[in-house]
Protein backbone atom coordinates (compact mmCIF):
# COMPACT_ATOMS: atom_id res chain seq x y z
CA GLN A 1 -9.49 1.21 19.75
CA VAL A 2 -10.66 4.44 18.20
CA GLN A 3 -13.26 4.49 15.45
CA LEU A 4 -13.38 7.61 13.30
CA VAL A 5 -16.24 8.51 10.96
CA GLU A 6 -16.01 11.45 8.59
CA SER A 7 -19.02 13.26 7.19
CA GLY A 8 -19.87 16.47 5.40
CA GLY A 9 -18.30 15.83 2.04
CA GLY A 10 -20.08 16.49 -1.22
CA LEU A 11 -20.13 18.37 -4.48
CA VAL A 12 -19.57 22.12 -4.41
CA GLN A 13 -18.73 24.79 -6.95
CA THR A 14 -15.44 26.68 -7.06
CA GLY A 15 -15.42 29.28 -4.33
CA GLY A 16 -17.89 27.40 -2.19
CA SER A 17 -17.55 26.03 1.33
CA LEU A 18 -17.91 22.73 3.13
CA ARG A 19 -17.52 21.69 6.73
CA LEU A 20 -16.21 18.22 7.38
CA SER A 21 -16.78 16.47 10.69
CA CYS A 22 -14.89 13.57 12.19
CA ALA A 23 -16.77 11.83 15.00
CA ALA A 24 -14.78 9.52 17.23
CA SER A 25 -16.05 6.60 19.26
CA GLY A 26 -14.59 3.79 21.33
CA ARG A 27 -12.28 6.07 23.26
CA THR A 28 -12.06 9.75 24.01
CA ILE A 29 -9.75 11.64 21.64
CA SER A 30 -9.48 14.66 23.90
CA SER A 31 -5.79 14.05 24.63
CA TYR A 32 -4.74 13.18 21.09
CA PRO A 33 -3.47 15.32 18.26
CA MET A 34 -5.76 14.94 15.27
CA GLY A 35 -5.13 15.44 11.59
CA TRP A 36 -6.86 15.74 8.25
CA PHE A 37 -5.32 14.28 5.12
CA ARG A 38 -6.56 13.95 1.56
CA GLN A 39 -5.91 11.78 -1.44
CA ALA A 40 -6.78 12.69 -5.00
CA PRO A 41 -7.03 10.04 -7.74
CA GLY A 42 -3.60 8.89 -8.85
CA LYS A 43 -1.84 10.90 -6.15
CA GLU A 44 -0.23 10.19 -2.82
CA ARG A 45 -2.09 10.90 0.41
CA GLU A 46 -1.14 14.39 1.57
CA PHE A 47 -1.32 16.32 4.79
CA VAL A 48 -3.97 19.02 5.08
CA ALA A 49 -4.19 20.20 8.70
CA ALA A 50 -3.52 19.09 12.26
CA ILE A 51 -4.50 20.23 15.73
CA ASN A 52 -3.16 19.51 19.18
CA TRP A 53 -5.25 18.17 22.05
CA SER A 54 -6.45 21.57 23.27
CA GLY A 55 -6.89 23.25 19.93
CA GLY A 56 -4.25 25.79 20.81
CA ASP A 57 -1.76 24.63 18.21
CA THR A 58 -2.65 24.10 14.57
CA VAL A 59 -0.64 23.37 11.44
CA TYR A 60 -1.72 23.69 7.82
CA ALA A 61 -0.40 22.69 4.44
CA ASP A 62 0.64 25.73 2.43
CA SER A 63 -1.95 24.87 -0.20
CA VAL A 64 -4.86 25.36 2.23
CA LYS A 65 -3.49 28.01 4.58
CA GLY A 66 -5.89 30.90 4.91
CA ARG A 67 -8.78 28.92 3.41
CA PHE A 68 -9.19 25.92 5.73
CA THR A 69 -9.64 25.89 9.50
CA ILE A 70 -9.27 22.87 11.73
CA SER A 71 -11.00 22.84 15.10
CA ARG A 72 -12.19 20.39 17.71
CA ASP A 73 -14.87 19.97 20.34
CA ASN A 74 -13.53 17.54 22.91
CA ALA A 75 -16.86 17.41 24.71
CA LYS A 76 -18.36 16.01 21.52
CA ASN A 77 -15.32 13.89 20.67
CA THR A 78 -15.35 15.52 17.25
CA VAL A 79 -12.89 17.29 14.98
CA TYR A 80 -13.88 19.63 12.17
CA LEU A 81 -12.40 20.99 8.97
CA GLN A 82 -14.00 24.18 7.68
CA MET A 83 -13.11 24.59 4.01
CA ASN A 84 -13.71 27.92 2.32
CA SER A 85 -12.84 29.29 -1.12
CA LEU A 86 -12.68 25.78 -2.48
CA LYS A 87 -10.79 25.10 -5.69
CA PRO A 88 -10.98 22.19 -8.15
CA GLU A 89 -7.57 21.05 -6.93
CA ASP A 90 -9.09 20.47 -3.49
CA THR A 91 -11.05 17.56 -4.96
CA ALA A 92 -10.07 14.42 -3.05
CA VAL A 93 -11.13 11.91 -0.46
CA TYR A 94 -10.59 13.51 2.93
CA TYR A 95 -9.54 11.40 5.90
CA CYS A 96 -9.27 12.24 9.56
CA ALA A 97 -6.72 10.52 11.74
CA ALA A 98 -5.78 10.23 15.40
CA LYS A 99 -2.23 10.22 16.71
CA THR A 100 -2.11 8.32 20.00
CA LEU A 101 1.65 8.10 20.50
CA LEU A 102 3.50 11.29 21.39
CA MET A 103 1.49 14.41 21.88
CA GLN A 104 3.13 16.68 19.34
CA VAL A 105 1.18 17.81 16.31
CA SER A 106 2.46 16.08 13.19
CA THR A 107 2.19 16.41 9.43
CA ALA A 108 3.44 12.85 8.83
CA ALA A 109 0.77 10.31 7.95
CA HIS A 110 2.79 7.38 9.29
CA GLU A 111 2.64 8.87 12.81
CA TYR A 112 -1.15 8.56 12.95
CA ASP A 113 -2.57 5.32 14.33
CA TYR A 114 -6.26 5.43 13.56
CA TRP A 115 -7.97 6.49 10.35
CA GLY A 116 -11.50 7.05 9.20
CA GLN A 117 -12.96 5.66 5.99
CA GLY A 118 -12.87 9.02 4.24
CA THR A 119 -15.40 11.38 2.72
CA GLN A 120 -15.39 12.56 -0.89
CA VAL A 121 -15.08 16.25 -1.66
CA THR A 122 -15.59 17.29 -5.28
CA VAL A 123 -15.14 20.88 -6.39
CA SER A 124 -16.49 21.69 -9.83
CA SER A 125 -15.02 24.43 -11.99
């Protein structure tokens, strides 16, 4: 079992920055691809970013490319999402997820096995 706990969400103005953390426990995540997803009220959960086990391969949604950076520290069993130039449309609950089957990075939520409880990000205009 992998337990994931997100932190770092909050209220920020347009153009501001936040850094989300996802701390894992129960098992090391160092060999797993990890992803960040988000869900805004009334909308489907959508892919944000993903990273392979080493950090050498990353994928981003077009809507966040150039503004968000995913990274990981395997020694700390933690994944991060640095969010810059935030926009009101980035407002959502952000979830991290671990993909324990197949080692390829994925943008598909159904391929992730473990999920955190989410952290709220609100960007005011």
